[in-house]
């Protein structure tokens, strides 16, 4: 089966070609442009299209895909908020995603942000490169004994919690669907969000972007947090109201901010913009603060994760091509979007 691979980079081509040679025999057509309504025609006559987190499979783009013969939409990522599932269902386009690849990659990156912010590793590195060996301004704190809040205790949140427990941290969790395994980690316990905000020295977000979670970290939430809290987000940019976070930084309520995702990242991340003037004033202001570390949606970016993403995406394509049920298929329902039963 032919698959139009939108928004691909060198590493996508490397891992998908290797997985295809090993497990499948699809004809992969690599395209650099993002999928949106202006580029959807590039998939004309191709049964399947494959997209990433910053593509835009809105209703118009999907109509163009369907009109030109595309029947399957493959997400090479876990998130699916970039796709209008209602429109896809109406057009008869089957959609699948990669619900899990390497949860270790994201959990470990979140811990890396904690360590970098706490011990000022980014500052220390640059100082030593300049032969400045002074320690002023580099003081951190022991993680041992600190209280860490984990919002979202799925696979990634659980791994993050286990790692922080290894540092000797106390754990508080919040999840709409509590995981009994979380409370088996030392003295970890679930609490409501106000109690978590009030008591945690570090808060890390590990939840999906849904109407109930969009901008869950807003002015009101930040006001409930401990003065000087460390806030980490490796999940979805729109979980945090960026302007509210900036006010929290300016007031000192947020003492450290580490993010691998950003509300308006679609026009920034995965591109080399070093020779351009970035027009996003909010982003430019955010990255000007000395207690903010931003990485460009790289938490997933390990060899293990990319291999798993390619293999699962192509396995989904195999299921569709053979007319089989797909465990990773996304179904649209009027009120609730769910994953098809395994």
Protein backbone atom coordinates (compact mmCIF):
# COMPACT_ATOMS: atom_id res chain seq x y z
CA UNK A 1 0.00 0.00 0.00
CA UNK A 2 1.19 3.49 -0.80
CA UNK A 3 1.48 5.83 2.20
CA UNK A 4 2.01 9.60 1.89
CA UNK A 5 4.33 10.46 4.78
CA UNK A 6 3.70 14.13 5.52
CA UNK A 7 6.04 16.36 7.52
CA UNK A 8 9.02 14.01 7.49
CA UNK A 9 12.63 14.63 8.48
CA UNK A 10 15.80 12.62 7.93
CA UNK A 11 15.26 10.62 11.11
CA UNK A 12 11.68 9.75 10.11
CA UNK A 13 12.90 8.39 6.80
CA UNK A 14 15.65 6.40 8.50
CA UNK A 15 13.46 4.66 11.07
CA UNK A 16 10.39 4.14 8.87
CA UNK A 17 12.45 2.72 6.01
CA UNK A 18 14.15 0.29 8.40
CA UNK A 19 10.85 -0.81 9.98
CA UNK A 20 9.18 -1.16 6.58
CA UNK A 21 12.01 -3.34 5.28
CA UNK A 22 11.78 -5.54 8.37
CA UNK A 23 8.06 -5.87 9.00
CA UNK A 24 6.09 -4.57 5.99
CA UNK A 25 6.25 -3.89 2.27
CA UNK A 26 4.49 -0.56 1.88
CA UNK A 27 5.52 2.08 -0.61
CA UNK A 28 6.47 5.03 1.57
CA UNK A 29 6.31 8.42 -0.17
CA UNK A 30 8.19 10.93 1.97
CA UNK A 31 6.94 14.52 1.87
CA UNK A 32 8.44 17.50 3.69
CA UNK A 33 5.34 19.75 3.88
CA UNK A 34 2.96 19.58 6.83
CA UNK A 35 -0.50 18.27 6.13
CA UNK A 36 -3.15 20.97 5.96
CA UNK A 37 -5.83 22.04 3.52
CA UNK A 38 -3.25 23.57 1.17
CA UNK A 39 -1.08 20.44 0.94
CA UNK A 40 -3.61 17.61 1.21
CA UNK A 41 -3.72 17.27 -2.59
CA UNK A 42 -0.15 15.94 -2.46
CA UNK A 43 -1.69 12.63 -1.36
CA UNK A 44 -3.93 12.37 -4.44
CA UNK A 45 -4.39 8.74 -5.45
CA UNK A 46 -2.63 7.45 -2.33
CA UNK A 47 -4.72 5.23 -0.01
CA UNK A 48 -3.07 6.28 3.27
CA UNK A 49 -1.61 9.44 4.74
CA UNK A 50 0.68 9.58 7.77
CA UNK A 51 0.92 12.67 9.98
CA UNK A 52 2.65 14.02 13.09
CA UNK A 53 1.67 16.19 16.05
CA UNK A 54 1.90 19.56 14.28
CA UNK A 55 -0.01 18.63 11.14
CA UNK A 56 -3.56 19.91 10.71
CA UNK A 57 -6.08 17.30 9.65
CA UNK A 58 -9.06 19.62 9.89
CA UNK A 59 -12.36 19.00 8.13
CA UNK A 60 -11.30 20.78 4.94
CA UNK A 61 -8.02 18.87 4.70
CA UNK A 62 -9.83 15.60 5.30
CA UNK A 63 -12.41 16.37 2.60
CA UNK A 64 -9.59 16.92 0.12
CA UNK A 65 -7.90 13.69 1.17
CA UNK A 66 -11.14 11.71 0.84
CA UNK A 67 -12.03 13.27 -2.52
CA UNK A 68 -8.65 12.17 -3.86
CA UNK A 69 -8.93 8.58 -2.67
CA UNK A 70 -7.29 8.54 0.76
CA UNK A 71 -9.07 6.08 3.06
CA UNK A 72 -6.70 5.82 6.04
CA UNK A 73 -5.03 8.38 8.29
CA UNK A 74 -2.09 7.16 10.37
CA UNK A 75 -0.84 9.21 13.31
CA UNK A 76 2.79 8.53 14.16
CA UNK A 77 2.20 9.96 17.62
CA UNK A 78 -0.07 9.46 20.62
CA UNK A 79 -1.94 12.76 20.43
CA UNK A 80 -4.87 13.13 18.03
CA UNK A 81 -6.24 16.60 18.80
CA UNK A 82 -4.90 17.73 15.38
CA UNK A 83 -7.52 15.60 13.62
CA UNK A 84 -11.24 16.27 13.24
CA UNK A 85 -12.44 12.77 14.08
CA UNK A 86 -16.08 13.64 13.42
CA UNK A 87 -15.27 14.75 9.88
CA UNK A 88 -13.10 11.67 9.36
CA UNK A 89 -15.96 9.40 10.42
CA UNK A 90 -18.40 11.19 8.12
CA UNK A 91 -15.96 10.84 5.21
CA UNK A 92 -15.28 7.18 5.91
CA UNK A 93 -11.60 7.72 6.72
CA UNK A 94 -10.28 5.27 9.29
CA UNK A 95 -7.84 6.80 11.78
CA UNK A 96 -5.22 5.16 13.99
CA UNK A 97 -2.52 6.39 16.33
CA UNK A 98 0.47 5.15 18.32
CA UNK A 99 -0.88 5.17 21.90
CA UNK A 100 2.44 4.20 23.47
CA UNK A 101 5.99 3.98 22.18
CA UNK A 102 8.63 4.50 24.84
CA UNK A 103 7.12 6.02 27.98
CA UNK A 104 10.64 5.93 29.43
CA UNK A 105 11.81 8.53 26.91
CA UNK A 106 9.32 11.18 28.04
CA UNK A 107 9.50 10.37 31.76
CA UNK A 108 13.30 10.52 31.72
CA UNK A 109 13.27 13.81 29.83
CA UNK A 110 10.92 15.30 32.43
CA UNK A 111 13.37 14.26 35.16
CA UNK A 112 16.17 15.77 33.10
CA UNK A 113 14.35 19.12 33.09
CA UNK A 114 13.96 18.90 36.87
CA UNK A 115 17.67 18.33 37.35
CA UNK A 116 18.70 20.97 34.84
CA UNK A 117 16.53 23.64 36.45
CA UNK A 118 17.36 22.71 40.03
CA UNK A 119 21.13 22.52 39.65
CA UNK A 120 21.34 25.26 36.98
CA UNK A 121 23.19 22.88 34.66
CA UNK A 122 22.53 25.06 31.61
CA UNK A 123 24.18 28.02 33.33
CA UNK A 124 27.05 25.95 34.70
CA UNK A 125 27.87 24.53 31.28
CA UNK A 126 28.05 27.95 29.66
CA UNK A 127 30.11 29.40 32.52
CA UNK A 128 32.76 26.73 32.38
CA UNK A 129 32.95 27.11 28.60
CA UNK A 130 33.83 30.76 29.28
CA UNK A 131 36.39 29.78 31.96
CA UNK A 132 34.12 31.17 34.66
CA UNK A 133 34.28 28.77 37.60
CA UNK A 134 32.37 30.87 40.15
CA UNK A 135 29.47 29.15 41.92
CA UNK A 136 27.38 32.24 42.71
CA UNK A 137 23.87 31.82 41.32
CA UNK A 138 24.14 28.06 40.84
CA UNK A 139 22.73 26.87 44.16
CA UNK A 140 20.06 24.18 44.01
CA UNK A 141 18.20 22.09 46.56
CA UNK A 142 18.13 18.42 47.54
CA UNK A 143 15.38 16.52 45.77
CA UNK A 144 15.35 14.09 48.70
CA UNK A 145 12.40 14.86 50.95
CA UNK A 146 10.70 17.26 48.55
CA UNK A 147 7.06 16.76 47.54
CA UNK A 148 6.37 16.07 43.88
CA UNK A 149 2.94 16.34 42.29
CA UNK A 150 2.18 14.09 39.32
CA UNK A 151 -0.84 15.17 37.30
CA UNK A 152 -1.77 12.21 35.13
CA UNK A 153 -0.64 8.76 36.25
CA UNK A 154 -0.72 6.75 33.06
CA UNK A 155 2.38 4.98 31.82
CA UNK A 156 4.57 8.09 31.58
CA UNK A 157 3.33 9.63 34.81
CA UNK A 158 3.89 6.34 36.64
CA UNK A 159 7.47 6.07 35.41
CA UNK A 160 8.18 9.69 36.33
CA UNK A 161 6.76 9.03 39.81
CA UNK A 162 8.91 5.93 40.25
CA UNK A 163 12.06 7.82 39.28
CA UNK A 164 11.28 10.69 41.65
CA UNK A 165 10.54 8.19 44.41
CA UNK A 166 14.03 6.86 43.80
CA UNK A 167 15.36 10.31 44.67
CA UNK A 168 13.53 10.08 47.99
CA UNK A 169 10.67 12.41 47.08
CA UNK A 170 7.18 12.34 48.56
CA UNK A 171 4.51 11.82 45.89
CA UNK A 172 1.05 13.30 45.45
CA UNK A 173 -1.00 12.38 42.41
CA UNK A 174 -4.09 13.55 40.58
CA UNK A 175 -5.92 11.60 37.88
CA UNK A 176 -9.53 11.42 36.79
CA UNK A 177 -9.01 7.65 36.64
CA UNK A 178 -6.80 6.68 39.60
CA UNK A 179 -4.22 3.95 39.11
CA UNK A 180 -3.87 1.61 42.09
CA UNK A 181 -0.23 1.03 41.16
CA UNK A 182 0.52 4.68 41.87
CA UNK A 183 -0.40 4.39 45.53
CA UNK A 184 1.85 1.33 45.77
CA UNK A 185 4.89 3.58 45.20
CA UNK A 186 6.09 4.23 48.74
CA UNK A 187 3.65 6.53 50.51
CA UNK A 188 2.22 8.01 47.32
CA UNK A 189 -1.40 9.08 47.51
CA UNK A 190 -4.04 10.72 45.36
CA UNK A 191 -5.40 14.15 46.29
CA UNK A 192 -7.58 16.77 44.65
CA UNK A 193 -5.83 19.44 42.62
CA UNK A 194 -6.04 22.26 45.20
CA UNK A 195 -4.23 20.11 47.77
CA UNK A 196 -1.63 19.07 45.22
CA UNK A 197 -1.01 22.67 44.16
CA UNK A 198 -0.71 23.84 47.76
CA UNK A 199 1.75 21.21 48.94
CA UNK A 200 4.08 20.38 46.06
CA UNK A 201 7.57 21.73 45.48
CA UNK A 202 7.60 20.25 41.97
CA UNK A 203 4.59 19.65 39.69
CA UNK A 204 4.85 17.63 36.49
CA UNK A 205 2.11 17.32 33.88
CA UNK A 206 1.51 13.94 32.23
CA UNK A 207 -2.05 14.12 30.95
CA UNK A 208 -3.69 14.32 27.50
CA UNK A 209 -5.12 17.48 26.00
CA UNK A 210 -8.90 17.32 26.38
CA UNK A 211 -11.55 20.00 26.87
CA UNK A 212 -11.33 19.33 30.62
CA UNK A 213 -7.54 19.74 30.71
CA UNK A 214 -6.98 22.58 28.26
CA UNK A 215 -5.24 25.42 30.13
CA UNK A 216 -5.73 23.61 33.41
CA UNK A 217 -2.69 25.55 34.64
CA UNK A 218 -4.17 29.02 34.58
CA UNK A 219 -4.06 32.08 36.80
CA UNK A 220 -6.30 30.47 39.43
CA UNK A 221 -4.29 27.24 39.55
CA UNK A 222 -0.97 29.09 39.79
CA UNK A 223 -2.28 31.25 42.64
CA UNK A 224 -2.86 28.06 44.67
CA UNK A 225 0.71 26.81 44.22
CA UNK A 226 3.59 27.11 46.68
CA UNK A 227 5.79 30.15 46.26
CA UNK A 228 8.75 29.20 44.08
CA UNK A 229 7.20 25.99 42.72
CA UNK A 230 8.89 24.11 39.86
CA UNK A 231 6.49 23.39 36.99
CA UNK A 232 7.32 20.80 34.31
CA UNK A 233 5.34 20.05 31.14
CA UNK A 234 6.30 17.32 28.68
CA UNK A 235 2.73 16.52 27.61
CA UNK A 236 0.81 19.11 25.59
CA UNK A 237 1.50 22.83 25.32
CA UNK A 238 -2.10 23.88 25.78
CA UNK A 239 -2.24 22.40 29.26
CA UNK A 240 -0.60 25.64 30.40
CA UNK A 241 -1.90 29.16 29.86
CA UNK A 242 1.44 30.65 28.84
CA UNK A 243 0.56 34.26 29.67
CA UNK A 244 -0.59 33.16 33.14
CA UNK A 245 2.69 31.27 33.56
CA UNK A 246 4.64 34.40 32.64
CA UNK A 247 2.78 36.36 35.32
CA UNK A 248 3.54 33.54 37.75
CA UNK A 249 7.24 33.77 36.92
CA UNK A 250 7.26 37.54 37.33
CA UNK A 251 5.56 37.29 40.74
CA UNK A 252 7.92 34.53 41.91
CA UNK A 253 5.09 32.05 42.39
CA UNK A 254 6.67 29.93 39.67
CA UNK A 255 10.33 29.67 40.59
CA UNK A 256 11.27 27.30 37.78
CA UNK A 257 9.59 26.38 34.51
CA UNK A 258 10.68 23.49 32.28
CA UNK A 259 8.67 22.79 29.14
CA UNK A 260 9.13 20.54 26.15
CA UNK A 261 5.85 21.72 24.59
CA UNK A 262 4.33 25.13 23.97
CA UNK A 263 0.83 26.40 23.15
CA UNK A 264 1.79 27.86 19.76
CA UNK A 265 4.59 25.46 18.89
CA UNK A 266 3.21 24.49 15.48
CA UNK A 267 5.00 27.37 13.74
CA UNK A 268 8.22 26.98 15.73
CA UNK A 269 9.27 23.50 16.72
CA UNK A 270 11.00 21.00 14.41
CA UNK A 271 12.32 23.85 12.23
CA UNK A 272 15.66 25.69 12.10
CA UNK A 273 14.66 29.32 12.64
CA UNK A 274 18.09 30.52 13.75
CA UNK A 275 18.40 32.92 10.81
CA UNK A 276 14.92 34.41 11.21
CA UNK A 277 13.22 36.87 13.51
CA UNK A 278 10.64 34.94 15.52
CA UNK A 279 7.35 36.81 15.54
CA UNK A 280 5.89 35.13 18.63
CA UNK A 281 6.42 37.80 21.31
CA UNK A 282 5.03 35.59 24.10
CA UNK A 283 7.53 32.84 23.32
CA UNK A 284 10.40 35.30 23.06
CA UNK A 285 9.50 36.78 26.44
CA UNK A 286 9.17 33.35 28.00
CA UNK A 287 12.59 32.19 26.92
CA UNK A 288 14.22 35.40 28.15
CA UNK A 289 13.76 34.43 31.81
CA UNK A 290 16.80 32.88 33.54
CA UNK A 291 14.70 30.29 35.40
CA UNK A 292 13.03 28.87 32.28
CA UNK A 293 14.30 25.93 30.22
CA UNK A 294 12.60 25.13 26.92
CA UNK A 295 13.28 22.10 24.74
CA UNK A 296 11.64 21.77 21.35
CA UNK A 297 9.32 18.77 21.72
CA UNK A 298 12.21 16.34 21.95
CA UNK A 299 11.15 14.28 24.98
CA UNK A 300 10.03 11.42 22.72
CA UNK A 301 13.22 11.59 20.64
CA UNK A 302 15.14 8.41 21.43
CA UNK A 303 16.17 5.52 19.20
CA UNK A 304 13.87 3.21 21.13
CA UNK A 305 10.86 5.49 20.74
CA UNK A 306 11.36 6.17 17.03
CA UNK A 307 11.70 2.46 16.32
CA UNK A 308 8.51 1.71 18.24
CA UNK A 309 6.62 4.56 16.54
CA UNK A 310 7.57 3.34 13.07
CA UNK A 311 6.74 -0.29 13.81
CA UNK A 312 3.35 0.49 15.39
CA UNK A 313 2.37 2.94 12.65
CA UNK A 314 3.14 0.38 9.95
CA UNK A 315 1.36 -2.36 11.90
CA UNK A 316 -1.72 -0.11 11.95
CA UNK A 317 -1.35 0.30 8.18
CA UNK A 318 -1.19 -3.48 7.80
CA UNK A 319 -4.46 -3.88 9.71
CA UNK A 320 -6.23 -1.29 7.57
CA UNK A 321 -4.89 -2.71 4.32
CA UNK A 322 -6.06 -6.22 5.27
CA UNK A 323 -9.48 -5.00 6.42
CA UNK A 324 -8.88 -6.08 9.99
CA UNK A 325 -9.89 -4.52 13.29
CA UNK A 326 -7.14 -2.25 14.61
CA UNK A 327 -6.50 -2.02 18.35
CA UNK A 328 -5.17 1.51 17.90
CA UNK A 329 -8.04 2.81 15.80
CA UNK A 330 -9.68 6.04 16.93
CA UNK A 331 -13.48 6.07 16.91
CA UNK A 332 -15.68 9.14 17.01
CA UNK A 333 -18.76 9.26 19.19
CA UNK A 334 -21.03 12.26 19.60
CA UNK A 335 -19.95 13.01 23.17
CA UNK A 336 -16.84 10.95 23.76
CA UNK A 337 -13.80 10.12 21.68
CA UNK A 338 -12.50 6.68 22.59
CA UNK A 339 -9.92 4.21 21.44
CA UNK A 340 -11.36 1.15 19.70
CA UNK A 341 -11.40 -1.89 21.97
CA UNK A 342 -8.34 -4.11 21.81
